Amino acid sequence: MSSARRVVAIDGPAGSGKSTVARGVARALGFPVLDTGAMYRAATLAALDRGLDLTDAAAVTEAARAAEIVVAETAGEDDGDAVLLDGRDVTADIRGPAVTAAVSVVSAHPGVREVMVARQRDWAERHRGGVVEGRDIGTVVFPDAPVKVFLVASDEERARRRHGDEEAAARQANMGEVREALARRDALDAGRVTSPLKPADDALVIDTTGRAVDDVVSEIVSRFESTVGADG
């Protein structure tokens, strides 16, 4: 069985619950999990560290290609994954305001996406599948994945979650600013020419607003088991 046949692809906008749900599905299936958003954030930090003009596609793509990015799973823990950039722990840095404001610009460059997609496919080959979450996993990275999920949530719920994330990280942010940032990110992600954010035609679309995480995880695991088999 090819690695793509053991991939659960989870896409969706910021605040839809991708990371939490992906880790839950991974634990339930005994699969590794890859946060591709962390990869793009690390590539963005690499460009910022070089002081690059983020609209310079060639320079930013070269920075992404040269960067050694490792997303090291922390045994499925809910606090996320450790991210290394050229051997340096940047787990906290990539979630800061500078990277958050710039990541959509960097990730819109076709060259950057080409580099990252190749690495994501290589990851799946090395792990013989897994749960992969991001924004173009079901449409571009693994269009042959047997289970594709697109998570959504109300704007209010997404803003509440993101505001909670900021408070948990001891970063000041008011709810209005969070809503505006999400709206800007949505527009950039959905409007980019290469790999726009959208559900795959055969994706299972799940609204996570008001739903328990375990309930959403169970729905996805059931879909995988009925499609691929309980033993994967």
C-alpha atoms as a PDB file:
ATOM      1  CA  MET A   1       0.000   0.000   0.000  1.00  0.00           C
ATOM      2  CA  SER A   2       1.414   3.416  -0.938  1.00  0.00           C
ATOM      3  CA  SER A   3       2.024   5.935   1.820  1.00  0.00           C
ATOM      4  CA  ALA A   4      -0.748   8.166   0.432  1.00  0.00           C
ATOM      5  CA  ARG A   5      -3.245   5.402   1.143  1.00  0.00           C
ATOM      6  CA  ARG A   6      -2.440   5.728   4.856  1.00  0.00           C
ATOM      7  CA  VAL A   7      -2.778   9.514   5.013  1.00  0.00           C
ATOM      8  CA  VAL A   8      -5.568  11.382   6.762  1.00  0.00           C
ATOM      9  CA  ALA A   9      -5.551  14.869   5.239  1.00  0.00           C
ATOM     10  CA  ILE A  10      -6.979  17.599   7.473  1.00  0.00           C
ATOM     11  CA  ASP A  11      -7.382  21.115   6.095  1.00  0.00           C
ATOM     12  CA  GLY A  12      -9.123  24.261   7.209  1.00  0.00           C
ATOM     13  CA  PRO A  13      -8.668  27.917   8.106  1.00  0.00           C
ATOM     14  CA  ALA A  14      -6.975  29.245  11.224  1.00  0.00           C
ATOM     15  CA  GLY A  15      -8.913  28.516  14.389  1.00  0.00           C
ATOM     16  CA  SER A  16     -10.971  25.695  12.901  1.00  0.00           C
ATOM     17  CA  GLY A  17      -9.402  23.139  15.233  1.00  0.00           C
ATOM     18  CA  LYS A  18      -6.983  21.415  12.845  1.00  0.00           C
ATOM     19  CA  SER A  19      -4.081  20.885  15.217  1.00  0.00           C
ATOM     20  CA  THR A  20      -6.157  19.628  18.144  1.00  0.00           C
ATOM     21  CA  VAL A  21      -8.235  17.315  15.975  1.00  0.00           C
ATOM     22  CA  ALA A  22      -5.219  16.058  14.014  1.00  0.00           C
ATOM     23  CA  ARG A  23      -3.408  15.044  17.189  1.00  0.00           C
ATOM     24  CA  GLY A  24      -6.529  13.301  18.459  1.00  0.00           C
ATOM     25  CA  VAL A  25      -6.938  11.346  15.231  1.00  0.00           C
ATOM     26  CA  ALA A  26      -3.250  10.456  15.227  1.00  0.00           C
ATOM     27  CA  ARG A  27      -3.451   9.098  18.768  1.00  0.00           C
ATOM     28  CA  ALA A  28      -6.564   7.076  17.963  1.00  0.00           C
ATOM     29  CA  LEU A  29      -5.025   5.506  14.861  1.00  0.00           C
ATOM     30  CA  GLY A  30      -1.497   5.186  16.204  1.00  0.00           C
ATOM     31  CA  PHE A  31      -0.184   7.410  13.399  1.00  0.00           C
ATOM     32  CA  PRO A  32       2.432  10.154  13.428  1.00  0.00           C
ATOM     33  CA  VAL A  33       1.170  13.688  12.807  1.00  0.00           C
ATOM     34  CA  LEU A  34       2.638  16.536  10.762  1.00  0.00           C
ATOM     35  CA  ASP A  35       1.704  20.197  11.203  1.00  0.00           C
ATOM     36  CA  THR A  36       2.570  21.654   7.798  1.00  0.00           C
ATOM     37  CA  GLY A  37       1.694  25.140   8.997  1.00  0.00           C
ATOM     38  CA  ALA A  38       4.662  24.947  11.337  1.00  0.00           C
ATOM     39  CA  MET A  39       6.861  24.221   8.324  1.00  0.00           C
ATOM     40  CA  TYR A  40       5.662  27.351   6.520  1.00  0.00           C
ATOM     41  CA  ARG A  41       6.107  29.386   9.678  1.00  0.00           C
ATOM     42  CA  ALA A  42       9.681  28.143  10.030  1.00  0.00           C
ATOM     43  CA  ALA A  43      10.366  29.042   6.400  1.00  0.00           C
ATOM     44  CA  THR A  44       8.939  32.488   7.095  1.00  0.00           C
ATOM     45  CA  LEU A  45      11.227  32.909  10.091  1.00  0.00           C
ATOM     46  CA  ALA A  46      14.186  31.889   7.924  1.00  0.00           C
ATOM     47  CA  ALA A  47      13.323  34.674   5.476  1.00  0.00           C
ATOM     48  CA  LEU A  48      12.846  37.202   8.279  1.00  0.00           C
ATOM     49  CA  ASP A  49      16.163  36.204   9.855  1.00  0.00           C
ATOM     50  CA  ARG A  50      17.869  36.960   6.548  1.00  0.00           C
ATOM     51  CA  GLY A  51      16.195  40.345   6.380  1.00  0.00           C
ATOM     52  CA  LEU A  52      14.673  39.523   2.998  1.00  0.00           C
ATOM     53  CA  ASP A  53      12.055  41.440   1.094  1.00  0.00           C
ATOM     54  CA  LEU A  54       9.196  38.971   1.570  1.00  0.00           C
ATOM     55  CA  THR A  55       7.763  39.833  -1.833  1.00  0.00           C
ATOM     56  CA  ASP A  56      11.011  38.681  -3.515  1.00  0.00           C
ATOM     57  CA  ALA A  57       9.853  35.215  -4.559  1.00  0.00           C
ATOM     58  CA  ALA A  58      13.266  33.981  -5.717  1.00  0.00           C
ATOM     59  CA  ALA A  59      15.088  35.041  -2.544  1.00  0.00           C
ATOM     60  CA  VAL A  60      12.407  33.736  -0.207  1.00  0.00           C
ATOM     61  CA  THR A  61      12.217  30.428  -2.082  1.00  0.00           C
ATOM     62  CA  GLU A  62      15.983  30.020  -1.833  1.00  0.00           C
ATOM     63  CA  ALA A  63      15.810  30.695   1.905  1.00  0.00           C
ATOM     64  CA  ALA A  64      13.127  28.020   2.279  1.00  0.00           C
ATOM     65  CA  ARG A  65      15.145  25.559   0.208  1.00  0.00           C
ATOM     66  CA  ALA A  66      18.300  26.165   2.241  1.00  0.00           C
ATOM     67  CA  ALA A  67      16.561  25.970   5.618  1.00  0.00           C
ATOM     68  CA  GLU A  68      16.749  22.756   7.608  1.00  0.00           C
ATOM     69  CA  ILE A  69      13.288  22.453   9.127  1.00  0.00           C
ATOM     70  CA  VAL A  70      12.398  19.684  11.545  1.00  0.00           C
ATOM     71  CA  VAL A  71       8.954  19.318  13.069  1.00  0.00           C
ATOM     72  CA  ALA A  72       9.582  16.861  15.882  1.00  0.00           C
ATOM     73  CA  GLU A  73       6.429  15.261  17.231  1.00  0.00           C
ATOM     74  CA  THR A  74       6.266  15.398  21.015  1.00  0.00           C
ATOM     75  CA  ALA A  75       4.614  12.022  21.462  1.00  0.00           C
ATOM     76  CA  GLY A  76       1.185  13.337  20.501  1.00  0.00           C
ATOM     77  CA  GLU A  77       1.002  15.753  23.388  1.00  0.00           C
ATOM     78  CA  ASP A  78      -1.579  18.521  23.219  1.00  0.00           C
ATOM     79  CA  ASP A  79       1.015  21.252  23.588  1.00  0.00           C
ATOM     80  CA  GLY A  80       2.128  20.682  20.012  1.00  0.00           C
ATOM     81  CA  ASP A  81       5.397  19.869  18.336  1.00  0.00           C
ATOM     82  CA  ALA A  82       8.938  21.104  18.772  1.00  0.00           C
ATOM     83  CA  VAL A  83      10.119  22.952  15.661  1.00  0.00           C
ATOM     84  CA  LEU A  84      13.789  23.281  14.800  1.00  0.00           C
ATOM     85  CA  LEU A  85      15.220  25.680  12.222  1.00  0.00           C
ATOM     86  CA  ASP A  86      18.821  24.907  11.294  1.00  0.00           C
ATOM     87  CA  GLY A  87      19.166  23.086  14.601  1.00  0.00           C
ATOM     88  CA  ARG A  88      17.702  25.956  16.665  1.00  0.00           C
ATOM     89  CA  ASP A  89      14.523  25.503  18.681  1.00  0.00           C
ATOM     90  CA  VAL A  90      12.071  28.043  17.223  1.00  0.00           C
ATOM     91  CA  THR A  91       8.889  26.515  18.614  1.00  0.00           C
ATOM     92  CA  ALA A  92       7.865  29.741  20.332  1.00  0.00           C
ATOM     93  CA  ASP A  93       9.360  32.125  17.760  1.00  0.00           C
ATOM     94  CA  ILE A  94       7.253  30.846  14.864  1.00  0.00           C
ATOM     95  CA  ARG A  95       4.053  31.617  16.793  1.00  0.00           C
ATOM     96  CA  GLY A  96       5.015  35.215  17.463  1.00  0.00           C
ATOM     97  CA  PRO A  97       3.386  38.254  15.827  1.00  0.00           C
ATOM     98  CA  ALA A  98       6.152  38.881  13.279  1.00  0.00           C
ATOM     99  CA  VAL A  99       5.853  35.416  11.731  1.00  0.00           C
ATOM    100  CA  THR A 100       2.072  35.378  12.027  1.00  0.00           C
ATOM    101  CA  ALA A 101       1.842  38.638  10.078  1.00  0.00           C
ATOM    102  CA  ALA A 102       4.187  37.428   7.338  1.00  0.00           C
ATOM    103  CA  VAL A 103       3.454  33.733   6.840  1.00  0.00           C
ATOM    104  CA  SER A 104       0.650  34.184   4.299  1.00  0.00           C
ATOM    105  CA  VAL A 105       2.925  36.317   2.102  1.00  0.00           C
ATOM    106  CA  VAL A 106       5.737  33.770   2.204  1.00  0.00           C
ATOM    107  CA  SER A 107       3.496  30.745   1.740  1.00  0.00           C
ATOM    108  CA  ALA A 108       1.854  32.302  -1.332  1.00  0.00           C
ATOM    109  CA  HIS A 109       5.069  31.995  -3.369  1.00  0.00           C
ATOM    110  CA  PRO A 110       4.796  28.979  -5.714  1.00  0.00           C
ATOM    111  CA  GLY A 111       8.469  28.141  -5.232  1.00  0.00           C
ATOM    112  CA  VAL A 112       8.109  27.986  -1.462  1.00  0.00           C
ATOM    113  CA  ARG A 113       5.093  25.732  -1.761  1.00  0.00           C
ATOM    114  CA  GLU A 114       6.949  23.458  -4.181  1.00  0.00           C
ATOM    115  CA  VAL A 115       9.773  23.049  -1.664  1.00  0.00           C
ATOM    116  CA  MET A 116       7.429  22.419   1.241  1.00  0.00           C
ATOM    117  CA  VAL A 117       5.149  20.007  -0.642  1.00  0.00           C
ATOM    118  CA  ALA A 118       8.140  17.870  -1.614  1.00  0.00           C
ATOM    119  CA  ARG A 119       9.232  17.718   2.024  1.00  0.00           C
ATOM    120  CA  GLN A 120       5.724  16.847   3.211  1.00  0.00           C
ATOM    121  CA  ARG A 121       5.471  13.979   0.730  1.00  0.00           C
ATOM    122  CA  ASP A 122       8.901  12.764   1.765  1.00  0.00           C
ATOM    123  CA  TRP A 123       7.781  12.818   5.396  1.00  0.00           C
ATOM    124  CA  ALA A 124       4.786  10.611   4.557  1.00  0.00           C
ATOM    125  CA  GLU A 125       6.995   8.186   2.641  1.00  0.00           C
ATOM    126  CA  ARG A 126       9.402   7.883   5.556  1.00  0.00           C
ATOM    127  CA  HIS A 127       6.571   7.363   8.042  1.00  0.00           C
ATOM    128  CA  ARG A 128       4.454   5.184   5.743  1.00  0.00           C
ATOM    129  CA  GLY A 129       1.561   7.613   6.072  1.00  0.00           C
ATOM    130  CA  GLY A 130       0.211   9.664   8.921  1.00  0.00           C
ATOM    131  CA  VAL A 131      -2.148  12.483   9.811  1.00  0.00           C
ATOM    132  CA  VAL A 132      -1.161  15.620   7.908  1.00  0.00           C
ATOM    133  CA  GLU A 133      -2.800  18.945   8.625  1.00  0.00           C
ATOM    134  CA  GLY A 134      -2.606  22.217   6.748  1.00  0.00           C
ATOM    135  CA  ARG A 135      -4.375  24.175   4.048  1.00  0.00           C
ATOM    136  CA  ASP A 136      -3.784  22.254   0.808  1.00  0.00           C
ATOM    137  CA  ILE A 137      -3.208  18.696   1.976  1.00  0.00           C
ATOM    138  CA  GLY A 138      -6.290  17.142   0.402  1.00  0.00           C
ATOM    139  CA  THR A 139      -6.218  19.268  -2.748  1.00  0.00           C
ATOM    140  CA  VAL A 140      -2.501  19.378  -3.599  1.00  0.00           C
ATOM    141  CA  VAL A 141      -0.156  17.457  -1.317  1.00  0.00           C
ATOM    142  CA  PHE A 142      -2.102  14.203  -1.063  1.00  0.00           C
ATOM    143  CA  PRO A 143      -5.008  14.318  -3.535  1.00  0.00           C
ATOM    144  CA  ASP A 144      -5.159  10.497  -3.361  1.00  0.00           C
ATOM    145  CA  ALA A 145      -5.531  10.346   0.434  1.00  0.00           C
ATOM    146  CA  PRO A 146      -8.406   7.998   1.308  1.00  0.00           C
ATOM    147  CA  VAL A 147      -9.778  10.386   3.929  1.00  0.00           C
ATOM    148  CA  LYS A 148      -9.814  14.125   3.385  1.00  0.00           C
ATOM    149  CA  VAL A 149     -11.306  16.410   6.000  1.00  0.00           C
ATOM    150  CA  PHE A 150     -12.022  20.122   5.840  1.00  0.00           C
ATOM    151  CA  LEU A 151     -12.757  21.721   9.197  1.00  0.00           C
ATOM    152  CA  VAL A 152     -14.717  24.935   9.562  1.00  0.00           C
ATOM    153  CA  ALA A 153     -16.062  26.943  12.488  1.00  0.00           C
ATOM    154  CA  SER A 154     -17.974  30.154  12.961  1.00  0.00           C
ATOM    155  CA  ASP A 155     -15.970  33.370  12.808  1.00  0.00           C
ATOM    156  CA  GLU A 156     -16.844  34.059  16.440  1.00  0.00           C
ATOM    157  CA  GLU A 157     -15.672  30.630  17.572  1.00  0.00           C
ATOM    158  CA  ARG A 158     -12.431  30.834  15.594  1.00  0.00           C
ATOM    159  CA  ALA A 159     -11.668  34.265  17.044  1.00  0.00           C
ATOM    160  CA  ARG A 160     -12.398  33.025  20.560  1.00  0.00           C
ATOM    161  CA  ARG A 161     -10.011  30.109  20.121  1.00  0.00           C
ATOM    162  CA  ARG A 162      -7.245  32.253  18.687  1.00  0.00           C
ATOM    163  CA  HIS A 163      -7.672  34.847  21.401  1.00  0.00           C
ATOM    164  CA  GLY A 164      -7.337  32.058  23.954  1.00  0.00           C
ATOM    165  CA  ASP A 165      -4.141  30.881  22.260  1.00  0.00           C
ATOM    166  CA  GLU A 166      -2.672  34.357  22.495  1.00  0.00           C
ATOM    167  CA  GLU A 167      -3.575  34.687  26.161  1.00  0.00           C
ATOM    168  CA  ALA A 168      -2.108  31.247  26.899  1.00  0.00           C
ATOM    169  CA  ALA A 169       1.139  32.360  25.263  1.00  0.00           C
ATOM    170  CA  ALA A 170       1.136  35.553  27.351  1.00  0.00           C
ATOM    171  CA  ARG A 171       0.755  37.730  24.255  1.00  0.00           C
ATOM    172  CA  GLN A 172      -1.585  40.702  24.475  1.00  0.00           C
ATOM    173  CA  ALA A 173      -4.336  40.858  21.875  1.00  0.00           C
ATOM    174  CA  ASN A 174      -7.874  42.158  21.922  1.00  0.00           C
ATOM    175  CA  MET A 175     -10.713  40.279  20.278  1.00  0.00           C
ATOM    176  CA  GLY A 176     -11.203  42.877  17.551  1.00  0.00           C
ATOM    177  CA  GLU A 177      -7.582  42.619  16.452  1.00  0.00           C
ATOM    178  CA  VAL A 178      -7.810  38.836  16.412  1.00  0.00           C
ATOM    179  CA  ARG A 179     -10.923  38.937  14.219  1.00  0.00           C
ATOM    180  CA  GLU A 180      -9.255  41.341  11.797  1.00  0.00           C
ATOM    181  CA  ALA A 181      -6.124  39.195  11.612  1.00  0.00           C
ATOM    182  CA  LEU A 182      -8.188  36.091  10.870  1.00  0.00           C
ATOM    183  CA  ALA A 183     -10.105  37.892   8.133  1.00  0.00           C
ATOM    184  CA  ARG A 184      -6.862  39.036   6.495  1.00  0.00           C
ATOM    185  CA  ARG A 185      -5.408  35.544   6.697  1.00  0.00           C
ATOM    186  CA  ASP A 186      -8.567  34.020   5.214  1.00  0.00           C
ATOM    187  CA  ALA A 187      -8.495  36.435   2.287  1.00  0.00           C
ATOM    188  CA  LEU A 188      -4.830  35.766   1.544  1.00  0.00           C
ATOM    189  CA  ASP A 189      -5.132  31.992   1.868  1.00  0.00           C
ATOM    190  CA  ALA A 190      -8.280  31.698  -0.217  1.00  0.00           C
ATOM    191  CA  GLY A 191      -7.145  34.230  -2.820  1.00  0.00           C
ATOM    192  CA  ARG A 192      -3.648  32.998  -3.615  1.00  0.00           C
ATOM    193  CA  VAL A 193      -3.121  31.629  -7.123  1.00  0.00           C
ATOM    194  CA  THR A 194      -1.130  28.577  -6.017  1.00  0.00           C
ATOM    195  CA  SER A 195      -2.896  26.091  -3.743  1.00  0.00           C
ATOM    196  CA  PRO A 196      -5.736  28.291  -2.517  1.00  0.00           C
ATOM    197  CA  LEU A 197      -7.504  27.263   0.661  1.00  0.00           C
ATOM    198  CA  LYS A 198     -10.578  25.264  -0.334  1.00  0.00           C
ATOM    199  CA  PRO A 199     -12.044  21.848   0.441  1.00  0.00           C
ATOM    200  CA  ALA A 200     -11.290  18.947  -1.877  1.00  0.00           C
ATOM    201  CA  ASP A 201     -14.310  17.835  -3.888  1.00  0.00           C
ATOM    202  CA  ASP A 202     -14.523  14.621  -1.853  1.00  0.00           C
ATOM    203  CA  ALA A 203     -13.637  16.116   1.531  1.00  0.00           C
ATOM    204  CA  LEU A 204     -15.663  15.436   4.644  1.00  0.00           C
ATOM    205  CA  VAL A 205     -16.600  18.952   5.775  1.00  0.00           C
ATOM    206  CA  ILE A 206     -17.055  19.226   9.533  1.00  0.00           C
ATOM    207  CA  ASP A 207     -18.206  22.293  11.443  1.00  0.00           C
ATOM    208  CA  THR A 208     -16.413  22.131  14.800  1.00  0.00           C
ATOM    209  CA  THR A 209     -18.395  24.980  16.359  1.00  0.00           C
ATOM    210  CA  GLY A 210     -19.813  23.772  19.647  1.00  0.00           C
ATOM    211  CA  ARG A 211     -18.702  20.180  19.096  1.00  0.00           C
ATOM    212  CA  ALA A 212     -16.547  18.193  21.482  1.00  0.00           C
ATOM    213  CA  VAL A 213     -13.103  17.355  20.126  1.00  0.00           C
ATOM    214  CA  ASP A 214     -13.593  13.658  20.881  1.00  0.00           C
ATOM    215  CA  ASP A 215     -16.790  13.661  18.830  1.00  0.00           C
ATOM    216  CA  VAL A 216     -15.040  15.156  15.794  1.00  0.00           C
ATOM    217  CA  VAL A 217     -12.099  12.763  16.182  1.00  0.00           C
ATOM    218  CA  SER A 218     -14.433   9.778  16.360  1.00  0.00           C
ATOM    219  CA  GLU A 219     -16.188  10.827  13.156  1.00  0.00           C
ATOM    220  CA  ILE A 220     -12.900  11.055  11.275  1.00  0.00           C
ATOM    221  CA  VAL A 221     -11.535   7.789  12.687  1.00  0.00           C
ATOM    222  CA  SER A 222     -14.756   6.021  11.733  1.00  0.00           C
ATOM    223  CA  ARG A 223     -14.467   7.369   8.209  1.00  0.00           C
ATOM    224  CA  PHE A 224     -10.874   6.126   7.962  1.00  0.00           C
ATOM    225  CA  GLU A 225     -11.697   2.683   9.313  1.00  0.00           C
ATOM    226  CA  SER A 226     -14.680   2.258   7.012  1.00  0.00           C
ATOM    227  CA  THR A 227     -12.647   3.439   4.008  1.00  0.00           C
ATOM    228  CA  VAL A 228      -9.273   1.809   4.611  1.00  0.00           C
ATOM    229  CA  GLY A 229      -9.888  -0.745   7.348  1.00  0.00           C
ATOM    230  CA  ALA A 230      -9.414  -0.793  11.079  1.00  0.00           C
ATOM    231  CA  ASP A 231      -5.815  -2.024  10.746  1.00  0.00           C
ATOM    232  CA  GLY A 232      -4.851   0.750   8.289  1.00  0.00           C
END
